[in-house]
Amino acid sequence: MEFRIIARDGERRRAEVRTKRGVINTPAFMPVGTLGTVKAMSSDELKDIGAEIILGNTYHLYLRPGIDVVSALGGLHGFMNWDRPILTDSGGFQVFSLASFRKIEEHGVQFRSHIDGSLHFIGPAEAMKIQGILGSDIAMAFDECIPYPASHEYAAKSVEVTSRWARECKEAHRAIWTENPPTPPLAKGGEGGF
């Protein structure tokens, strides 16, 4: 992946992000396809309105339909019939929103599925692995979301945890994609993984 600034105007800038699946011009319009679909729009319609990237949700796709199903259908690109870049969030916000179903631990978050109550764990390594299996072009680091309102002490601890988890995500990403890359089936015309 490559990031290049094209133009500046004071504090504003225009740039492009080059990925294996295409170029994203910034600032970018990024439709949200939480469950592997942008509601009420086809992939062709998204292209017609100029979408260069779609956002997918790691937490929701992990739970339903599941990473095995998505992988068997060609990764998220094949599942969505989308041959352009996809950014996947880490799932951190969704886990955070399950306050009564989750427990934040040193190395991640243990939570119960909002679907069936089953117990799961996602930490930095798991978030990177799931996003790799989904075939994400841009994977986000797993984070601990600060509630509002929050005390200064809680916010400081949250920043410390998120910073540590970001380093762990970087290490996990390097280990996963360098030493043992995930091998989701390739989407038609695309490349799997990062």
N, C-alpha and C. Protein backbone atom coordinates (compact mmCIF):
# COMPACT_ATOMS: atom_id res chain seq x y z
N MET A 1 0.84 -1.16 0.00
CA MET A 1 0.00 0.00 0.00
C MET A 1 0.89 1.23 0.00
N GLU A 2 0.45 2.26 -0.70
CA GLU A 2 1.22 3.50 -0.80
C GLU A 2 0.30 4.69 -0.59
N PHE A 3 0.77 5.68 0.18
CA PHE A 3 0.02 6.91 0.42
C PHE A 3 0.82 8.06 -0.18
N ARG A 4 0.16 8.89 -1.00
CA ARG A 4 0.86 9.99 -1.66
C ARG A 4 0.00 11.25 -1.63
N ILE A 5 0.59 12.35 -1.17
CA ILE A 5 -0.12 13.63 -1.17
C ILE A 5 -0.03 14.23 -2.57
N ILE A 6 -1.19 14.62 -3.11
CA ILE A 6 -1.29 15.15 -4.46
C ILE A 6 -1.27 16.67 -4.45
N ALA A 7 -1.97 17.28 -3.49
CA ALA A 7 -2.06 18.75 -3.44
C ALA A 7 -2.33 19.21 -2.02
N ARG A 8 -1.88 20.43 -1.71
CA ARG A 8 -2.12 21.05 -0.40
C ARG A 8 -2.72 22.43 -0.60
N ASP A 9 -3.55 22.82 0.39
CA ASP A 9 -4.11 24.17 0.43
C ASP A 9 -4.22 24.52 1.90
N GLY A 10 -3.20 25.14 2.45
CA GLY A 10 -3.17 25.41 3.89
C GLY A 10 -3.08 24.10 4.65
N GLU A 11 -4.00 23.90 5.57
CA GLU A 11 -4.05 22.64 6.35
C GLU A 11 -4.72 21.51 5.59
N ARG A 12 -5.40 21.84 4.51
CA ARG A 12 -6.11 20.83 3.73
C ARG A 12 -5.14 20.13 2.78
N ARG A 13 -5.48 18.90 2.47
CA ARG A 13 -4.66 18.17 1.49
C ARG A 13 -5.53 17.18 0.74
N ARG A 14 -5.11 16.89 -0.46
CA ARG A 14 -5.73 15.85 -1.27
C ARG A 14 -4.65 14.80 -1.49
N ALA A 15 -5.05 13.55 -1.37
CA ALA A 15 -4.06 12.48 -1.48
C ALA A 15 -4.67 11.27 -2.16
N GLU A 16 -3.83 10.29 -2.39
CA GLU A 16 -4.33 9.02 -2.92
C GLU A 16 -3.66 7.88 -2.16
N VAL A 17 -4.44 6.84 -1.95
CA VAL A 17 -3.96 5.61 -1.32
C VAL A 17 -4.01 4.55 -2.41
N ARG A 18 -2.86 3.97 -2.70
CA ARG A 18 -2.78 2.93 -3.73
C ARG A 18 -2.75 1.56 -3.06
N THR A 19 -3.68 0.70 -3.43
CA THR A 19 -3.72 -0.67 -2.93
C THR A 19 -3.64 -1.62 -4.13
N LYS A 20 -3.54 -2.90 -3.85
CA LYS A 20 -3.50 -3.89 -4.93
C LYS A 20 -4.79 -3.90 -5.74
N ARG A 21 -5.88 -3.47 -5.12
CA ARG A 21 -7.18 -3.53 -5.80
C ARG A 21 -7.64 -2.19 -6.36
N GLY A 22 -6.83 -1.14 -6.19
CA GLY A 22 -7.24 0.13 -6.76
C GLY A 22 -6.79 1.32 -5.94
N VAL A 23 -7.07 2.49 -6.49
CA VAL A 23 -6.67 3.76 -5.87
C VAL A 23 -7.87 4.37 -5.16
N ILE A 24 -7.62 4.92 -3.98
CA ILE A 24 -8.63 5.63 -3.21
C ILE A 24 -8.18 7.09 -3.13
N ASN A 25 -8.98 7.98 -3.66
CA ASN A 25 -8.68 9.41 -3.58
C ASN A 25 -9.27 9.96 -2.29
N THR A 26 -8.45 10.75 -1.57
CA THR A 26 -8.94 11.33 -0.33
C THR A 26 -9.09 12.83 -0.49
N PRO A 27 -10.06 13.42 0.22
CA PRO A 27 -10.97 12.73 1.13
C PRO A 27 -11.88 11.78 0.36
N ALA A 28 -12.28 10.69 1.01
CA ALA A 28 -13.02 9.64 0.32
C ALA A 28 -14.42 9.47 0.88
N PHE A 29 -15.34 9.15 0.01
CA PHE A 29 -16.68 8.71 0.38
C PHE A 29 -16.59 7.21 0.55
N MET A 30 -16.89 6.69 1.74
CA MET A 30 -16.76 5.26 2.02
C MET A 30 -18.08 4.70 2.51
N PRO A 31 -18.87 4.10 1.60
CA PRO A 31 -20.12 3.48 2.04
C PRO A 31 -19.85 2.35 3.03
N VAL A 32 -20.80 2.15 3.94
CA VAL A 32 -20.66 1.13 4.98
C VAL A 32 -21.44 -0.11 4.58
N GLY A 33 -20.72 -1.22 4.48
CA GLY A 33 -21.32 -2.53 4.20
C GLY A 33 -21.13 -3.43 5.40
N THR A 34 -21.75 -3.09 6.51
CA THR A 34 -21.53 -3.76 7.79
C THR A 34 -21.53 -5.28 7.67
N LEU A 35 -22.56 -5.84 7.10
CA LEU A 35 -22.70 -7.29 7.00
C LEU A 35 -22.35 -7.83 5.61
N GLY A 36 -21.49 -7.11 4.90
CA GLY A 36 -21.08 -7.57 3.59
C GLY A 36 -22.01 -7.08 2.49
N THR A 37 -22.80 -6.06 2.79
CA THR A 37 -23.64 -5.45 1.78
C THR A 37 -23.94 -4.01 2.17
N VAL A 38 -23.96 -3.15 1.18
CA VAL A 38 -24.41 -1.78 1.41
C VAL A 38 -25.90 -1.82 1.12
N LYS A 39 -26.70 -1.57 2.13
CA LYS A 39 -28.14 -1.75 2.02
C LYS A 39 -28.73 -1.00 0.82
N ALA A 40 -29.55 -1.72 0.07
CA ALA A 40 -30.33 -1.20 -1.05
C ALA A 40 -29.49 -0.78 -2.25
N MET A 41 -28.19 -1.19 -2.30
CA MET A 41 -27.36 -0.82 -3.45
C MET A 41 -26.55 -2.03 -3.92
N SER A 42 -26.45 -2.15 -5.24
CA SER A 42 -25.60 -3.20 -5.81
C SER A 42 -24.18 -2.67 -5.95
N SER A 43 -23.25 -3.57 -6.20
CA SER A 43 -21.85 -3.17 -6.42
C SER A 43 -21.74 -2.24 -7.63
N ASP A 44 -22.48 -2.52 -8.67
CA ASP A 44 -22.44 -1.66 -9.86
C ASP A 44 -22.96 -0.26 -9.54
N GLU A 45 -24.03 -0.17 -8.74
CA GLU A 45 -24.57 1.13 -8.36
C GLU A 45 -23.56 1.91 -7.52
N LEU A 46 -22.84 1.22 -6.64
CA LEU A 46 -21.81 1.87 -5.83
C LEU A 46 -20.70 2.43 -6.72
N LYS A 47 -20.31 1.67 -7.73
CA LYS A 47 -19.29 2.15 -8.67
C LYS A 47 -19.82 3.35 -9.46
N ASP A 48 -21.09 3.29 -9.85
CA ASP A 48 -21.69 4.39 -10.61
C ASP A 48 -21.69 5.70 -9.84
N ILE A 49 -21.82 5.64 -8.51
CA ILE A 49 -21.82 6.89 -7.72
C ILE A 49 -20.41 7.29 -7.30
N GLY A 50 -19.40 6.53 -7.75
CA GLY A 50 -18.01 6.90 -7.51
C GLY A 50 -17.35 6.31 -6.28
N ALA A 51 -17.96 5.33 -5.65
CA ALA A 51 -17.35 4.70 -4.47
C ALA A 51 -16.08 3.96 -4.89
N GLU A 52 -14.98 4.26 -4.20
CA GLU A 52 -13.70 3.60 -4.50
C GLU A 52 -13.33 2.59 -3.43
N ILE A 53 -14.03 2.62 -2.30
CA ILE A 53 -13.74 1.74 -1.17
C ILE A 53 -15.02 1.54 -0.38
N ILE A 54 -15.13 0.38 0.26
CA ILE A 54 -16.28 0.06 1.12
C ILE A 54 -15.73 -0.35 2.49
N LEU A 55 -16.50 -0.04 3.52
CA LEU A 55 -16.14 -0.45 4.88
C LEU A 55 -16.93 -1.70 5.25
N GLY A 56 -16.22 -2.72 5.76
CA GLY A 56 -16.85 -3.93 6.27
C GLY A 56 -16.60 -4.02 7.76
N ASN A 57 -17.45 -4.76 8.47
CA ASN A 57 -17.38 -4.82 9.92
C ASN A 57 -16.90 -6.19 10.40
N THR A 58 -15.73 -6.21 11.01
CA THR A 58 -15.11 -7.44 11.46
C THR A 58 -15.98 -8.20 12.46
N TYR A 59 -16.48 -7.51 13.47
CA TYR A 59 -17.28 -8.15 14.52
C TYR A 59 -18.51 -8.84 13.93
N HIS A 60 -19.30 -8.10 13.17
CA HIS A 60 -20.54 -8.66 12.63
C HIS A 60 -20.27 -9.81 11.67
N LEU A 61 -19.29 -9.65 10.78
CA LEU A 61 -18.99 -10.71 9.81
C LEU A 61 -18.42 -11.94 10.51
N TYR A 62 -17.65 -11.75 11.57
CA TYR A 62 -17.10 -12.85 12.34
C TYR A 62 -18.23 -13.70 12.95
N LEU A 63 -19.24 -13.02 13.49
CA LEU A 63 -20.34 -13.74 14.12
C LEU A 63 -21.34 -14.30 13.12
N ARG A 64 -21.63 -13.54 12.06
CA ARG A 64 -22.63 -13.96 11.09
C ARG A 64 -22.37 -13.27 9.77
N PRO A 65 -22.10 -13.94 8.72
CA PRO A 65 -22.29 -15.38 8.52
C PRO A 65 -21.12 -16.24 9.00
N GLY A 66 -20.03 -15.60 9.44
CA GLY A 66 -18.86 -16.33 9.92
C GLY A 66 -17.74 -16.26 8.91
N ILE A 67 -16.49 -16.27 9.42
CA ILE A 67 -15.36 -16.10 8.52
C ILE A 67 -15.16 -17.31 7.60
N ASP A 68 -15.59 -18.50 8.04
CA ASP A 68 -15.47 -19.66 7.16
C ASP A 68 -16.37 -19.52 5.93
N VAL A 69 -17.58 -19.03 6.15
CA VAL A 69 -18.52 -18.83 5.03
C VAL A 69 -17.98 -17.77 4.09
N VAL A 70 -17.55 -16.64 4.64
CA VAL A 70 -17.03 -15.55 3.79
C VAL A 70 -15.80 -16.02 3.03
N SER A 71 -14.91 -16.73 3.70
CA SER A 71 -13.70 -17.22 3.05
C SER A 71 -14.03 -18.18 1.91
N ALA A 72 -14.98 -19.08 2.13
CA ALA A 72 -15.36 -20.06 1.10
C ALA A 72 -15.97 -19.40 -0.13
N LEU A 73 -16.50 -18.19 0.03
CA LEU A 73 -17.12 -17.48 -1.09
C LEU A 73 -16.18 -16.48 -1.75
N GLY A 74 -14.88 -16.58 -1.45
CA GLY A 74 -13.90 -15.71 -2.10
C GLY A 74 -13.49 -14.54 -1.26
N GLY A 75 -13.57 -14.68 0.05
CA GLY A 75 -13.25 -13.55 0.93
C GLY A 75 -14.35 -12.53 0.81
N LEU A 76 -14.19 -11.42 1.51
CA LEU A 76 -15.23 -10.39 1.51
C LEU A 76 -15.46 -9.82 0.11
N HIS A 77 -14.41 -9.76 -0.71
CA HIS A 77 -14.58 -9.24 -2.08
C HIS A 77 -15.51 -10.15 -2.89
N GLY A 78 -15.30 -11.44 -2.80
CA GLY A 78 -16.18 -12.37 -3.52
C GLY A 78 -17.58 -12.39 -2.93
N PHE A 79 -17.65 -12.36 -1.61
CA PHE A 79 -18.92 -12.36 -0.91
C PHE A 79 -19.78 -11.16 -1.30
N MET A 80 -19.12 -10.00 -1.49
CA MET A 80 -19.83 -8.76 -1.82
C MET A 80 -19.88 -8.49 -3.32
N ASN A 81 -19.16 -9.30 -4.11
CA ASN A 81 -19.02 -9.02 -5.54
C ASN A 81 -18.45 -7.61 -5.75
N TRP A 82 -17.35 -7.33 -5.04
CA TRP A 82 -16.72 -6.00 -5.07
C TRP A 82 -15.24 -6.20 -5.37
N ASP A 83 -14.75 -5.63 -6.48
CA ASP A 83 -13.36 -5.83 -6.87
C ASP A 83 -12.46 -4.65 -6.53
N ARG A 84 -12.98 -3.69 -5.78
CA ARG A 84 -12.21 -2.54 -5.35
C ARG A 84 -11.80 -2.71 -3.88
N PRO A 85 -11.03 -1.76 -3.34
CA PRO A 85 -10.57 -1.91 -1.95
C PRO A 85 -11.69 -1.98 -0.92
N ILE A 86 -11.39 -2.70 0.16
CA ILE A 86 -12.27 -2.80 1.33
C ILE A 86 -11.45 -2.49 2.56
N LEU A 87 -11.98 -1.63 3.42
CA LEU A 87 -11.41 -1.36 4.74
C LEU A 87 -12.28 -2.10 5.74
N THR A 88 -11.66 -2.84 6.64
CA THR A 88 -12.43 -3.49 7.71
C THR A 88 -12.07 -2.83 9.03
N ASP A 89 -13.10 -2.51 9.81
CA ASP A 89 -12.82 -2.00 11.15
C ASP A 89 -12.41 -3.18 12.02
N SER A 90 -11.94 -2.90 13.21
CA SER A 90 -11.39 -3.96 14.06
C SER A 90 -12.44 -4.72 14.84
N GLY A 91 -13.64 -4.17 14.96
CA GLY A 91 -14.66 -4.76 15.81
C GLY A 91 -14.65 -4.18 17.21
N GLY A 92 -13.68 -3.32 17.50
CA GLY A 92 -13.55 -2.75 18.84
C GLY A 92 -14.77 -1.96 19.29
N PHE A 93 -15.34 -1.16 18.41
CA PHE A 93 -16.50 -0.36 18.81
C PHE A 93 -17.71 -1.25 19.10
N GLN A 94 -17.92 -2.26 18.27
CA GLN A 94 -19.06 -3.15 18.49
C GLN A 94 -18.92 -3.89 19.82
N VAL A 95 -17.70 -4.36 20.11
CA VAL A 95 -17.48 -5.03 21.39
C VAL A 95 -17.72 -4.05 22.53
N PHE A 96 -17.25 -2.81 22.36
CA PHE A 96 -17.46 -1.77 23.38
C PHE A 96 -18.95 -1.54 23.61
N SER A 97 -19.74 -1.56 22.55
CA SER A 97 -21.16 -1.26 22.68
C SER A 97 -21.92 -2.37 23.41
N LEU A 98 -21.29 -3.52 23.61
CA LEU A 98 -21.92 -4.63 24.32
C LEU A 98 -21.57 -4.60 25.81
N ALA A 99 -21.65 -3.45 26.42
CA ALA A 99 -21.17 -3.26 27.80
C ALA A 99 -21.61 -4.36 28.75
N SER A 100 -22.85 -4.80 28.67
CA SER A 100 -23.32 -5.82 29.61
C SER A 100 -22.92 -7.23 29.21
N PHE A 101 -22.34 -7.39 28.00
CA PHE A 101 -21.95 -8.71 27.50
C PHE A 101 -20.45 -8.90 27.39
N ARG A 102 -19.63 -7.93 27.83
CA ARG A 102 -18.19 -8.01 27.59
C ARG A 102 -17.38 -7.76 28.86
N LYS A 103 -16.14 -8.28 28.79
CA LYS A 103 -15.18 -8.07 29.86
C LYS A 103 -13.85 -7.73 29.21
N ILE A 104 -13.35 -6.52 29.49
CA ILE A 104 -12.07 -6.10 28.93
C ILE A 104 -10.95 -6.72 29.76
N GLU A 105 -10.03 -7.40 29.07
CA GLU A 105 -8.91 -8.06 29.72
C GLU A 105 -7.61 -7.46 29.19
N GLU A 106 -6.51 -7.90 29.73
CA GLU A 106 -5.21 -7.35 29.34
C GLU A 106 -4.93 -7.53 27.85
N HIS A 107 -5.30 -8.68 27.30
CA HIS A 107 -4.94 -8.98 25.92
C HIS A 107 -6.11 -8.96 24.95
N GLY A 108 -7.24 -8.37 25.36
CA GLY A 108 -8.38 -8.29 24.46
C GLY A 108 -9.68 -8.22 25.23
N VAL A 109 -10.74 -8.63 24.57
CA VAL A 109 -12.07 -8.53 25.16
C VAL A 109 -12.79 -9.87 25.00
N GLN A 110 -13.30 -10.35 26.12
CA GLN A 110 -14.15 -11.53 26.11
C GLN A 110 -15.59 -11.02 26.06
N PHE A 111 -16.39 -11.59 25.20
CA PHE A 111 -17.76 -11.10 25.06
C PHE A 111 -18.70 -12.23 24.68
N ARG A 112 -19.96 -11.98 24.90
CA ARG A 112 -21.02 -12.89 24.49
C ARG A 112 -21.67 -12.33 23.24
N SER A 113 -21.93 -13.22 22.30
CA SER A 113 -22.59 -12.84 21.06
C SER A 113 -23.96 -12.26 21.34
N HIS A 114 -24.28 -11.17 20.67
CA HIS A 114 -25.62 -10.59 20.79
C HIS A 114 -26.64 -11.45 20.04
N ILE A 115 -26.16 -12.42 19.26
CA ILE A 115 -27.04 -13.27 18.46
C ILE A 115 -27.52 -14.48 19.26
N ASP A 116 -26.55 -15.21 19.84
CA ASP A 116 -26.93 -16.45 20.52
C ASP A 116 -26.33 -16.62 21.91
N GLY A 117 -25.61 -15.61 22.39
CA GLY A 117 -25.05 -15.68 23.74
C GLY A 117 -23.77 -16.48 23.85
N SER A 118 -23.24 -17.02 22.74
CA SER A 118 -22.01 -17.81 22.79
C SER A 118 -20.83 -16.91 23.19
N LEU A 119 -19.85 -17.52 23.85
CA LEU A 119 -18.70 -16.79 24.38
C LEU A 119 -17.59 -16.71 23.33
N HIS A 120 -17.00 -15.52 23.17
CA HIS A 120 -15.94 -15.28 22.19
C HIS A 120 -14.86 -14.39 22.80
N PHE A 121 -13.71 -14.35 22.14
CA PHE A 121 -12.61 -13.49 22.56
C PHE A 121 -11.99 -12.87 21.31
N ILE A 122 -11.81 -11.56 21.32
CA ILE A 122 -11.07 -10.88 20.26
C ILE A 122 -10.05 -9.97 20.92
N GLY A 123 -8.82 -10.12 20.50
CA GLY A 123 -7.72 -9.25 20.90
C GLY A 123 -7.01 -8.81 19.64
N PRO A 124 -5.88 -8.16 19.77
CA PRO A 124 -5.15 -7.69 18.59
C PRO A 124 -4.83 -8.79 17.58
N ALA A 125 -4.31 -9.92 18.04
CA ALA A 125 -3.94 -10.99 17.10
C ALA A 125 -5.17 -11.56 16.40
N GLU A 126 -6.26 -11.75 17.15
CA GLU A 126 -7.48 -12.29 16.57
C GLU A 126 -8.08 -11.31 15.56
N ALA A 127 -8.08 -10.03 15.89
CA ALA A 127 -8.62 -9.01 14.98
C ALA A 127 -7.84 -9.00 13.67
N MET A 128 -6.53 -9.10 13.74
CA MET A 128 -5.71 -9.10 12.52
C MET A 128 -5.95 -10.38 11.71
N LYS A 129 -6.06 -11.50 12.39
CA LYS A 129 -6.28 -12.77 11.68
C LYS A 129 -7.64 -12.78 10.99
N ILE A 130 -8.68 -12.33 11.70
CA ILE A 130 -10.01 -12.30 11.10
C ILE A 130 -10.02 -11.39 9.87
N GLN A 131 -9.43 -10.20 10.00
CA GLN A 131 -9.42 -9.27 8.88
C GLN A 131 -8.61 -9.83 7.70
N GLY A 132 -7.56 -10.58 8.00
CA GLY A 132 -6.80 -11.22 6.93
C GLY A 132 -7.60 -12.28 6.21
N ILE A 133 -8.33 -13.08 6.95
CA ILE A 133 -9.17 -14.11 6.33
C ILE A 133 -10.28 -13.47 5.51
N LEU A 134 -10.81 -12.34 5.98
CA LEU A 134 -11.82 -11.63 5.21
C LEU A 134 -11.24 -11.07 3.91
N GLY A 135 -9.91 -10.90 3.85
CA GLY A 135 -9.26 -10.38 2.66
C GLY A 135 -9.23 -8.86 2.62
N SER A 136 -9.23 -8.24 3.78
CA SER A 136 -9.23 -6.78 3.88
C SER A 136 -8.02 -6.17 3.18
N ASP A 137 -8.25 -5.04 2.54
CA ASP A 137 -7.13 -4.29 1.94
C ASP A 137 -6.53 -3.33 2.95
N ILE A 138 -7.36 -2.79 3.84
CA ILE A 138 -6.90 -1.90 4.90
C ILE A 138 -7.54 -2.41 6.20
N ALA A 139 -6.71 -2.92 7.10
CA ALA A 139 -7.19 -3.46 8.38
C ALA A 139 -6.94 -2.45 9.48
N MET A 140 -7.92 -2.28 10.33
CA MET A 140 -7.79 -1.33 11.44
C MET A 140 -7.31 -2.06 12.70
N ALA A 141 -6.55 -1.34 13.52
CA ALA A 141 -6.04 -1.90 14.77
C ALA A 141 -7.17 -2.03 15.79
N PHE A 142 -7.11 -3.06 16.59
CA PHE A 142 -8.11 -3.30 17.64
C PHE A 142 -7.92 -2.26 18.74
N ASP A 143 -9.01 -1.65 19.15
CA ASP A 143 -8.92 -0.57 20.13
C ASP A 143 -9.95 -0.74 21.24
N GLU A 144 -9.70 -0.04 22.34
CA GLU A 144 -10.64 -0.01 23.46
C GLU A 144 -11.28 1.37 23.44
N CYS A 145 -12.56 1.42 23.17
CA CYS A 145 -13.26 2.70 23.03
C CYS A 145 -13.55 3.32 24.40
N ILE A 146 -13.28 4.59 24.51
CA ILE A 146 -13.51 5.32 25.76
C ILE A 146 -14.98 5.71 25.84
N PRO A 147 -15.65 5.35 26.94
CA PRO A 147 -17.06 5.75 27.08
C PRO A 147 -17.17 7.23 27.38
N TYR A 148 -18.36 7.78 27.15
CA TYR A 148 -18.61 9.17 27.52
C TYR A 148 -19.79 9.21 28.47
N PRO A 149 -19.64 9.86 29.59
CA PRO A 149 -18.43 10.53 30.08
C PRO A 149 -17.45 9.52 30.66
N ALA A 150 -16.20 9.92 30.77
CA ALA A 150 -15.16 9.08 31.35
C ALA A 150 -14.26 9.96 32.21
N SER A 151 -13.74 9.37 33.27
CA SER A 151 -12.80 10.10 34.12
C SER A 151 -11.47 10.24 33.39
N HIS A 152 -10.66 11.18 33.83
CA HIS A 152 -9.33 11.36 33.26
C HIS A 152 -8.53 10.07 33.42
N GLU A 153 -8.65 9.43 34.57
CA GLU A 153 -7.90 8.19 34.84
C GLU A 153 -8.31 7.08 33.87
N TYR A 154 -9.63 6.95 33.64
CA TYR A 154 -10.10 5.91 32.73
C TYR A 154 -9.60 6.19 31.31
N ALA A 155 -9.71 7.45 30.88
CA ALA A 155 -9.27 7.81 29.53
C ALA A 155 -7.77 7.55 29.36
N ALA A 156 -6.97 7.89 30.37
CA ALA A 156 -5.52 7.67 30.29
C ALA A 156 -5.22 6.17 30.18
N LYS A 157 -5.92 5.36 30.98
CA LYS A 157 -5.70 3.91 30.94
C LYS A 157 -6.14 3.35 29.58
N SER A 158 -7.25 3.85 29.05
CA SER A 158 -7.74 3.39 27.76
C SER A 158 -6.75 3.71 26.64
N VAL A 159 -6.18 4.91 26.67
CA VAL A 159 -5.18 5.28 25.67
C VAL A 159 -3.96 4.37 25.77
N GLU A 160 -3.57 4.05 26.99
CA GLU A 160 -2.42 3.15 27.20
C GLU A 160 -2.73 1.76 26.64
N VAL A 161 -3.91 1.23 26.94
CA VAL A 161 -4.30 -0.09 26.45
C VAL A 161 -4.37 -0.09 24.92
N THR A 162 -5.03 0.91 24.34
CA THR A 162 -5.16 0.98 22.89
C THR A 162 -3.80 1.12 22.21
N SER A 163 -2.89 1.89 22.80
CA SER A 163 -1.55 2.03 22.23
C SER A 163 -0.81 0.70 22.25
N ARG A 164 -0.93 -0.03 23.36
CA ARG A 164 -0.29 -1.35 23.46
C ARG A 164 -0.91 -2.30 22.45
N TRP A 165 -2.23 -2.29 22.36
CA TRP A 165 -2.90 -3.17 21.40
C TRP A 165 -2.52 -2.82 19.97
N ALA A 166 -2.32 -1.54 19.67
CA ALA A 166 -1.89 -1.14 18.32
C ALA A 166 -0.53 -1.74 17.99
N ARG A 167 0.39 -1.71 18.96
CA ARG A 167 1.71 -2.33 18.74
C ARG A 167 1.56 -3.84 18.53
N GLU A 168 0.67 -4.47 19.32
CA GLU A 168 0.44 -5.91 19.18
C GLU A 168 -0.20 -6.22 17.82
N CYS A 169 -1.08 -5.35 17.34
CA CYS A 169 -1.68 -5.53 16.01
C CYS A 169 -0.60 -5.48 14.94
N LYS A 170 0.30 -4.53 15.07
CA LYS A 170 1.38 -4.40 14.08
C LYS A 170 2.25 -5.65 14.08
N GLU A 171 2.59 -6.16 15.28
CA GLU A 171 3.38 -7.39 15.37
C GLU A 171 2.62 -8.58 14.80
N ALA A 172 1.33 -8.68 15.14
CA ALA A 172 0.51 -9.79 14.64
C ALA A 172 0.38 -9.71 13.12
N HIS A 173 0.17 -8.49 12.61
CA HIS A 173 0.07 -8.31 11.16
C HIS A 173 1.34 -8.78 10.47
N ARG A 174 2.47 -8.35 11.01
CA ARG A 174 3.75 -8.74 10.42
C ARG A 174 3.91 -10.26 10.46
N ALA A 175 3.60 -10.88 11.59
CA ALA A 175 3.75 -12.33 11.73
C ALA A 175 2.77 -13.08 10.82
N ILE A 176 1.54 -12.61 10.78
CA ILE A 176 0.51 -13.30 10.00
C ILE A 176 0.79 -13.19 8.51
N TRP A 177 1.07 -11.98 8.01
CA TRP A 177 1.20 -11.79 6.56
C TRP A 177 2.61 -12.04 6.04
N THR A 178 3.61 -12.01 6.92
CA THR A 178 4.96 -12.25 6.46
C THR A 178 5.34 -13.71 6.59
N GLU A 179 5.05 -14.26 7.76
CA GLU A 179 5.49 -15.63 8.04
C GLU A 179 4.49 -16.69 7.62
N ASN A 180 3.19 -16.40 7.75
CA ASN A 180 2.17 -17.40 7.45
C ASN A 180 0.91 -16.69 6.95
N PRO A 181 0.95 -16.14 5.74
CA PRO A 181 -0.18 -15.34 5.27
C PRO A 181 -1.47 -16.13 5.18
N PRO A 182 -2.60 -15.50 5.58
CA PRO A 182 -3.89 -16.16 5.40
C PRO A 182 -4.13 -16.38 3.91
N THR A 183 -4.83 -17.42 3.58
CA THR A 183 -5.05 -17.71 2.17
C THR A 183 -6.54 -17.83 1.88
N PRO A 184 -7.27 -16.71 1.95
CA PRO A 184 -8.67 -16.79 1.55
C PRO A 184 -8.72 -17.01 0.05
N PRO A 185 -9.78 -17.65 -0.43
CA PRO A 185 -9.90 -17.79 -1.88
C PRO A 185 -9.86 -16.41 -2.52
N LEU A 186 -9.30 -16.33 -3.69
CA LEU A 186 -9.20 -15.04 -4.37
C LEU A 186 -10.54 -14.64 -4.98
N ALA A 187 -10.86 -13.37 -4.77
CA ALA A 187 -12.04 -12.84 -5.45
C ALA A 187 -11.73 -12.76 -6.93
N LYS A 188 -12.72 -12.85 -7.77
CA LYS A 188 -12.52 -12.80 -9.20
C LYS A 188 -11.77 -11.53 -9.58
N GLY A 189 -10.58 -11.69 -10.13
CA GLY A 189 -9.81 -10.55 -10.57
C GLY A 189 -9.02 -9.87 -9.47
N GLY A 190 -9.04 -10.40 -8.23
CA GLY A 190 -8.36 -9.73 -7.13
C GLY A 190 -7.29 -10.59 -6.53
N GLU A 191 -6.69 -10.07 -5.45
CA GLU A 191 -5.66 -10.80 -4.73
C GLU A 191 -6.11 -10.89 -3.28
N GLY A 192 -5.89 -12.04 -2.63
CA GLY A 192 -6.29 -12.19 -1.24
C GLY A 192 -5.32 -11.54 -0.30
N GLY A 193 -5.76 -11.28 0.91
CA GLY A 193 -4.89 -10.71 1.95
C GLY A 193 -4.48 -9.29 1.64
N PHE A 194 -3.37 -8.89 2.24
CA PHE A 194 -2.90 -7.50 2.07
C PHE A 194 -1.95 -7.40 0.91
